[in-house]
N, C-alpha and C. Protein backbone atom coordinates (compact mmCIF):
# COMPACT_ATOMS: atom_id res chain seq x y z
N UNK A 1 16.07 50.27 97.02
CA UNK A 1 15.16 51.37 97.30
C UNK A 1 13.77 50.81 97.60
N UNK A 2 13.19 51.26 98.70
CA UNK A 2 11.81 50.91 99.01
C UNK A 2 10.93 52.11 98.67
N UNK A 3 9.82 51.83 97.98
CA UNK A 3 8.95 52.89 97.50
C UNK A 3 7.55 52.69 98.07
N UNK A 4 6.96 53.77 98.54
CA UNK A 4 5.62 53.73 99.12
C UNK A 4 4.78 54.79 98.43
N UNK A 5 3.82 54.34 97.63
CA UNK A 5 2.93 55.26 96.91
C UNK A 5 1.65 55.48 97.70
N UNK A 6 1.10 56.68 97.56
CA UNK A 6 -0.15 57.02 98.23
C UNK A 6 -0.83 58.14 97.46
N UNK A 7 -2.06 58.44 97.87
CA UNK A 7 -2.77 59.58 97.29
C UNK A 7 -3.88 59.22 96.34
N UNK A 8 -4.03 57.95 96.04
CA UNK A 8 -5.11 57.55 95.15
C UNK A 8 -6.47 57.70 95.79
N UNK A 9 -7.51 57.51 94.98
CA UNK A 9 -8.86 57.64 95.51
C UNK A 9 -9.87 57.66 94.41
N UNK A 10 -11.09 58.01 94.79
CA UNK A 10 -12.21 58.11 93.86
C UNK A 10 -12.48 59.59 93.58
N UNK A 11 -12.55 59.94 92.31
CA UNK A 11 -12.77 61.34 91.94
C UNK A 11 -13.67 61.38 90.71
N UNK A 12 -14.42 62.44 90.58
CA UNK A 12 -15.27 62.60 89.39
C UNK A 12 -14.43 63.08 88.21
N UNK A 13 -14.93 62.80 87.03
CA UNK A 13 -14.26 63.26 85.82
C UNK A 13 -14.10 64.78 85.88
N UNK A 14 -12.92 65.24 85.47
CA UNK A 14 -12.60 66.65 85.55
C UNK A 14 -11.91 67.05 86.84
N UNK A 15 -11.89 66.15 87.81
CA UNK A 15 -11.28 66.44 89.09
C UNK A 15 -9.78 66.24 89.10
N UNK A 16 -9.20 66.38 90.30
CA UNK A 16 -7.75 66.31 90.46
C UNK A 16 -7.37 65.40 91.62
N UNK A 17 -6.20 64.85 91.52
CA UNK A 17 -5.57 64.09 92.60
C UNK A 17 -4.07 64.35 92.53
N UNK A 18 -3.40 64.22 93.67
CA UNK A 18 -1.95 64.25 93.67
C UNK A 18 -1.43 62.99 94.32
N UNK A 19 -0.69 62.22 93.56
CA UNK A 19 -0.06 61.02 94.07
C UNK A 19 1.32 61.37 94.60
N UNK A 20 1.72 60.66 95.65
CA UNK A 20 3.05 60.82 96.22
C UNK A 20 3.71 59.45 96.30
N UNK A 21 5.01 59.46 96.21
CA UNK A 21 5.79 58.23 96.35
C UNK A 21 7.03 58.57 97.16
N UNK A 22 7.12 57.99 98.35
CA UNK A 22 8.25 58.25 99.24
C UNK A 22 9.26 57.11 99.12
N UNK A 23 10.52 57.46 98.98
CA UNK A 23 11.57 56.47 98.82
C UNK A 23 12.42 56.38 100.08
N UNK A 24 12.94 55.20 100.34
CA UNK A 24 13.85 55.00 101.46
C UNK A 24 14.84 53.91 101.10
N UNK A 25 15.93 53.87 101.81
CA UNK A 25 16.87 52.77 101.66
C UNK A 25 18.13 53.10 100.89
N UNK A 26 18.06 53.95 99.88
CA UNK A 26 19.22 54.34 99.11
C UNK A 26 19.11 55.82 98.79
N UNK A 27 20.14 56.38 98.21
CA UNK A 27 20.15 57.80 97.93
C UNK A 27 19.14 58.12 96.84
N UNK A 28 18.08 58.79 97.24
CA UNK A 28 16.98 59.09 96.31
C UNK A 28 17.47 59.91 95.13
N UNK A 29 18.33 60.86 95.38
CA UNK A 29 18.77 61.78 94.32
C UNK A 29 19.66 61.11 93.28
N UNK A 30 20.03 59.87 93.47
CA UNK A 30 20.78 59.11 92.46
C UNK A 30 19.88 58.38 91.48
N UNK A 31 18.55 58.50 91.69
CA UNK A 31 17.60 57.70 90.93
C UNK A 31 16.67 58.54 90.09
N UNK A 32 16.56 58.18 88.81
CA UNK A 32 15.45 58.67 88.01
C UNK A 32 14.18 57.97 88.49
N UNK A 33 13.07 58.66 88.35
CA UNK A 33 11.80 58.12 88.84
C UNK A 33 10.77 58.10 87.73
N UNK A 34 9.82 57.20 87.87
CA UNK A 34 8.75 57.11 86.89
C UNK A 34 7.43 56.72 87.53
N UNK A 35 6.37 57.07 86.84
CA UNK A 35 5.02 56.64 87.22
C UNK A 35 4.47 55.77 86.09
N UNK A 36 3.85 54.68 86.48
CA UNK A 36 3.21 53.76 85.56
C UNK A 36 1.77 53.55 86.02
N UNK A 37 0.96 52.96 85.16
CA UNK A 37 -0.40 52.60 85.56
C UNK A 37 -0.82 51.30 84.87
N UNK A 38 -1.73 50.63 85.54
CA UNK A 38 -2.25 49.38 84.99
C UNK A 38 -3.75 49.33 85.22
N UNK A 39 -4.48 49.35 84.13
CA UNK A 39 -5.93 49.26 84.18
C UNK A 39 -6.34 47.79 84.15
N UNK A 40 -7.54 47.48 84.63
CA UNK A 40 -8.00 46.08 84.64
C UNK A 40 -7.94 45.46 83.24
N UNK A 41 -7.33 44.30 83.15
CA UNK A 41 -7.26 43.59 81.90
C UNK A 41 -6.24 44.12 80.91
N UNK A 42 -5.46 45.11 81.32
CA UNK A 42 -4.47 45.71 80.42
C UNK A 42 -3.07 45.57 81.00
N UNK A 43 -2.09 45.76 80.14
CA UNK A 43 -0.71 45.72 80.59
C UNK A 43 -0.33 47.02 81.30
N UNK A 44 0.68 46.91 82.14
CA UNK A 44 1.18 48.10 82.81
C UNK A 44 1.83 49.01 81.77
N UNK A 45 1.55 50.31 81.85
CA UNK A 45 2.09 51.25 80.89
C UNK A 45 2.79 52.42 81.56
N UNK A 46 3.81 52.90 80.88
CA UNK A 46 4.55 54.07 81.35
C UNK A 46 3.67 55.30 81.19
N UNK A 47 3.72 56.21 82.19
CA UNK A 47 2.93 57.43 82.17
C UNK A 47 3.84 58.65 82.10
N UNK A 48 4.81 58.72 83.01
CA UNK A 48 5.67 59.90 83.09
C UNK A 48 6.97 59.54 83.78
N UNK A 49 8.04 60.27 83.42
CA UNK A 49 9.33 60.04 84.05
C UNK A 49 10.02 61.35 84.34
N UNK A 50 10.94 61.32 85.31
CA UNK A 50 11.68 62.52 85.69
C UNK A 50 13.11 62.12 86.00
N UNK A 51 14.03 63.00 85.65
CA UNK A 51 15.44 62.73 85.87
C UNK A 51 15.82 62.88 87.33
N UNK A 52 17.04 62.49 87.64
CA UNK A 52 17.54 62.62 89.01
C UNK A 52 17.46 64.05 89.50
N UNK A 53 17.82 64.97 88.62
CA UNK A 53 17.87 66.38 88.99
C UNK A 53 16.50 67.03 89.03
N UNK A 54 15.54 66.41 88.34
CA UNK A 54 14.21 67.01 88.23
C UNK A 54 14.08 67.96 87.06
N UNK A 55 15.18 68.19 86.35
CA UNK A 55 15.16 69.17 85.26
C UNK A 55 14.62 68.61 83.96
N UNK A 56 14.55 67.30 83.84
CA UNK A 56 14.05 66.68 82.61
C UNK A 56 12.86 65.80 82.94
N UNK A 57 11.84 65.91 82.10
CA UNK A 57 10.65 65.09 82.27
C UNK A 57 10.21 64.54 80.93
N UNK A 58 9.37 63.51 80.99
CA UNK A 58 8.82 62.91 79.76
C UNK A 58 7.44 62.37 80.08
N UNK A 59 6.51 62.57 79.13
CA UNK A 59 5.14 62.13 79.32
C UNK A 59 4.66 61.37 78.09
N UNK A 60 3.79 60.41 78.30
CA UNK A 60 3.12 59.83 77.16
C UNK A 60 2.08 60.82 76.66
N UNK A 61 1.76 60.72 75.39
CA UNK A 61 0.89 61.72 74.77
C UNK A 61 -0.47 61.82 75.43
N UNK A 62 -0.99 60.71 75.91
CA UNK A 62 -2.35 60.71 76.45
C UNK A 62 -2.49 61.52 77.73
N UNK A 63 -1.39 61.86 78.38
CA UNK A 63 -1.48 62.60 79.65
C UNK A 63 -0.84 63.97 79.57
N UNK A 64 -0.23 64.30 78.46
CA UNK A 64 0.41 65.62 78.34
C UNK A 64 -0.58 66.74 78.55
N UNK A 65 -0.18 67.72 79.37
CA UNK A 65 -1.03 68.86 79.66
C UNK A 65 -1.99 68.62 80.80
N UNK A 66 -2.11 67.39 81.27
CA UNK A 66 -3.03 67.08 82.37
C UNK A 66 -2.29 66.55 83.60
N UNK A 67 -1.24 65.78 83.39
CA UNK A 67 -0.48 65.21 84.50
C UNK A 67 0.90 65.83 84.54
N UNK A 68 1.38 66.06 85.75
CA UNK A 68 2.69 66.67 85.94
C UNK A 68 3.47 65.88 86.97
N UNK A 69 4.67 65.45 86.57
CA UNK A 69 5.55 64.76 87.49
C UNK A 69 6.55 65.75 88.05
N UNK A 70 6.85 65.62 89.33
CA UNK A 70 7.84 66.48 89.98
C UNK A 70 8.48 65.70 91.13
N UNK A 71 9.54 66.26 91.67
CA UNK A 71 10.19 65.59 92.79
C UNK A 71 10.78 66.61 93.74
N UNK A 72 10.91 66.18 94.99
CA UNK A 72 11.56 66.97 96.03
C UNK A 72 12.62 66.07 96.65
N UNK A 73 13.85 66.26 96.23
CA UNK A 73 14.92 65.39 96.71
C UNK A 73 15.19 65.55 98.20
N UNK A 74 14.84 66.69 98.77
CA UNK A 74 15.03 66.89 100.21
C UNK A 74 14.04 66.07 101.02
N UNK A 75 12.94 65.67 100.36
CA UNK A 75 11.91 64.86 101.04
C UNK A 75 11.85 63.43 100.51
N UNK A 76 12.78 63.08 99.62
CA UNK A 76 12.81 61.74 99.03
C UNK A 76 11.46 61.36 98.42
N UNK A 77 10.84 62.30 97.75
CA UNK A 77 9.48 62.10 97.27
C UNK A 77 9.34 62.53 95.82
N UNK A 78 8.60 61.72 95.07
CA UNK A 78 8.20 62.09 93.72
C UNK A 78 6.67 62.20 93.70
N UNK A 79 6.18 63.14 92.93
CA UNK A 79 4.75 63.43 92.88
C UNK A 79 4.20 63.24 91.47
N UNK A 80 2.92 62.99 91.40
CA UNK A 80 2.21 63.02 90.13
C UNK A 80 0.93 63.82 90.36
N UNK A 81 0.95 65.06 89.89
CA UNK A 81 -0.25 65.90 89.95
C UNK A 81 -1.13 65.56 88.77
N UNK A 82 -2.36 65.20 89.05
CA UNK A 82 -3.28 64.73 88.02
C UNK A 82 -4.48 65.67 87.96
N UNK A 83 -4.61 66.39 86.88
CA UNK A 83 -5.72 67.32 86.67
C UNK A 83 -6.57 66.88 85.49
N UNK A 84 -7.78 67.42 85.42
CA UNK A 84 -8.69 67.12 84.30
C UNK A 84 -8.78 65.62 84.08
N UNK A 85 -9.00 64.90 85.16
CA UNK A 85 -9.01 63.44 85.07
C UNK A 85 -10.18 62.93 84.25
N UNK A 86 -9.92 61.81 83.57
CA UNK A 86 -10.91 61.19 82.71
C UNK A 86 -11.15 59.75 83.20
N UNK A 87 -12.31 59.18 82.88
CA UNK A 87 -12.56 57.79 83.28
C UNK A 87 -11.48 56.83 82.78
N UNK A 88 -10.89 57.11 81.64
CA UNK A 88 -9.84 56.23 81.12
C UNK A 88 -8.53 56.33 81.89
N UNK A 89 -8.44 57.26 82.82
CA UNK A 89 -7.28 57.32 83.71
C UNK A 89 -7.40 56.33 84.87
N UNK A 90 -8.54 55.69 85.00
CA UNK A 90 -8.75 54.73 86.08
C UNK A 90 -7.75 53.58 85.97
N UNK A 91 -7.01 53.36 87.03
CA UNK A 91 -5.96 52.33 87.04
C UNK A 91 -5.31 52.28 88.42
N UNK A 92 -4.50 51.26 88.61
CA UNK A 92 -3.57 51.27 89.74
C UNK A 92 -2.29 51.96 89.26
N UNK A 93 -1.85 52.93 90.03
CA UNK A 93 -0.67 53.71 89.67
C UNK A 93 0.52 53.26 90.52
N UNK A 94 1.64 53.06 89.84
CA UNK A 94 2.86 52.58 90.49
C UNK A 94 3.99 53.59 90.26
N UNK A 95 4.81 53.77 91.28
CA UNK A 95 6.04 54.52 91.09
C UNK A 95 7.20 53.53 90.97
N UNK A 96 8.26 53.99 90.33
CA UNK A 96 9.41 53.13 90.10
C UNK A 96 10.68 53.97 90.09
N UNK A 97 11.81 53.32 90.36
CA UNK A 97 13.09 54.02 90.48
C UNK A 97 14.18 53.27 89.72
N UNK A 98 15.11 54.07 89.20
CA UNK A 98 16.26 53.51 88.48
C UNK A 98 17.47 54.39 88.74
N UNK A 99 18.55 53.82 89.24
CA UNK A 99 19.78 54.58 89.42
C UNK A 99 20.35 54.92 88.05
N UNK A 100 20.70 56.19 87.85
CA UNK A 100 21.24 56.62 86.56
C UNK A 100 22.57 57.35 86.75
N UNK A 101 23.41 57.23 85.72
CA UNK A 101 24.72 57.87 85.78
C UNK A 101 24.64 59.37 85.51
N UNK A 102 23.73 59.75 84.64
CA UNK A 102 23.60 61.15 84.25
C UNK A 102 22.42 61.80 84.94
N UNK A 103 22.63 62.97 85.50
CA UNK A 103 21.57 63.66 86.25
C UNK A 103 20.39 64.03 85.36
N UNK A 104 20.62 64.18 84.06
CA UNK A 104 19.57 64.64 83.16
C UNK A 104 18.77 63.49 82.52
N UNK A 105 19.18 62.26 82.73
CA UNK A 105 18.55 61.13 82.04
C UNK A 105 17.17 60.81 82.59
N UNK A 106 16.21 60.66 81.68
CA UNK A 106 14.87 60.18 82.02
C UNK A 106 14.77 58.74 81.52
N UNK A 107 14.28 57.86 82.35
CA UNK A 107 14.15 56.45 81.97
C UNK A 107 12.73 56.22 81.49
N UNK A 108 12.62 55.74 80.27
CA UNK A 108 11.31 55.54 79.66
C UNK A 108 11.10 54.05 79.43
N UNK A 109 9.93 53.56 79.86
CA UNK A 109 9.65 52.16 79.60
C UNK A 109 9.76 51.31 80.84
N UNK A 110 8.92 50.30 80.89
CA UNK A 110 8.79 49.45 82.06
C UNK A 110 10.09 48.71 82.38
N UNK A 111 10.78 48.20 81.38
CA UNK A 111 11.94 47.34 81.62
C UNK A 111 13.15 48.08 82.14
N UNK A 112 13.11 49.41 82.10
CA UNK A 112 14.27 50.17 82.53
C UNK A 112 14.37 50.37 84.03
N UNK A 113 13.35 50.05 84.75
CA UNK A 113 13.30 50.34 86.18
C UNK A 113 13.61 49.12 87.05
N UNK A 114 14.27 49.39 88.16
CA UNK A 114 14.74 48.32 89.05
C UNK A 114 13.88 48.15 90.30
N UNK A 115 13.28 49.23 90.76
CA UNK A 115 12.56 49.21 92.03
C UNK A 115 11.13 49.70 91.80
N UNK A 116 10.20 49.06 92.49
CA UNK A 116 8.78 49.35 92.30
C UNK A 116 8.06 49.52 93.63
N UNK A 117 7.11 50.45 93.64
CA UNK A 117 6.23 50.60 94.78
C UNK A 117 5.05 49.65 94.66
N UNK A 118 4.15 49.70 95.64
CA UNK A 118 3.07 48.73 95.74
C UNK A 118 1.82 49.15 94.96
N UNK A 119 1.75 50.38 94.52
CA UNK A 119 0.59 50.83 93.75
C UNK A 119 -0.47 51.49 94.60
N UNK A 120 -1.16 52.44 93.96
CA UNK A 120 -2.28 53.12 94.60
C UNK A 120 -3.40 53.24 93.57
N UNK A 121 -4.63 52.95 94.00
CA UNK A 121 -5.77 52.89 93.07
C UNK A 121 -6.32 54.29 92.81
N UNK A 122 -6.49 54.60 91.53
CA UNK A 122 -7.16 55.83 91.11
C UNK A 122 -8.40 55.43 90.32
N UNK A 123 -9.55 55.92 90.75
CA UNK A 123 -10.80 55.63 90.07
C UNK A 123 -11.48 56.94 89.71
N UNK A 124 -11.76 57.10 88.42
CA UNK A 124 -12.39 58.32 87.93
C UNK A 124 -13.79 57.96 87.43
N UNK A 125 -14.78 58.54 88.05
CA UNK A 125 -16.16 58.26 87.67
C UNK A 125 -16.65 59.27 86.64
N UNK A 126 -17.54 58.81 85.77
CA UNK A 126 -18.05 59.70 84.72
C UNK A 126 -19.30 60.42 85.15
């Protein structure tokens, strides 16, 4: 699976962005998807995940209520809607994919994913 992330940019605190990640090469609907981020000097961390079907999602506590992951299997795209952004959300954001046997499974954690996009920079100014 090839993944292409986009939608990053510079936004003021409290603002919104929507990241997109378009997949190609394999059947998108066979893959659970995730969003990760990596801030300068820090390790890459899991942010949110969604099942193949889109019916199951998982978020880390720091983004619950502010970030929403969704997918459109007809467009081979996963989204990350980011609202009420904070300066600590500043990072490079990566999408990732993992083929799963169960449609409801959400893959949590960096080591569970097989395919990675190139990243898109999100900068939140205070």
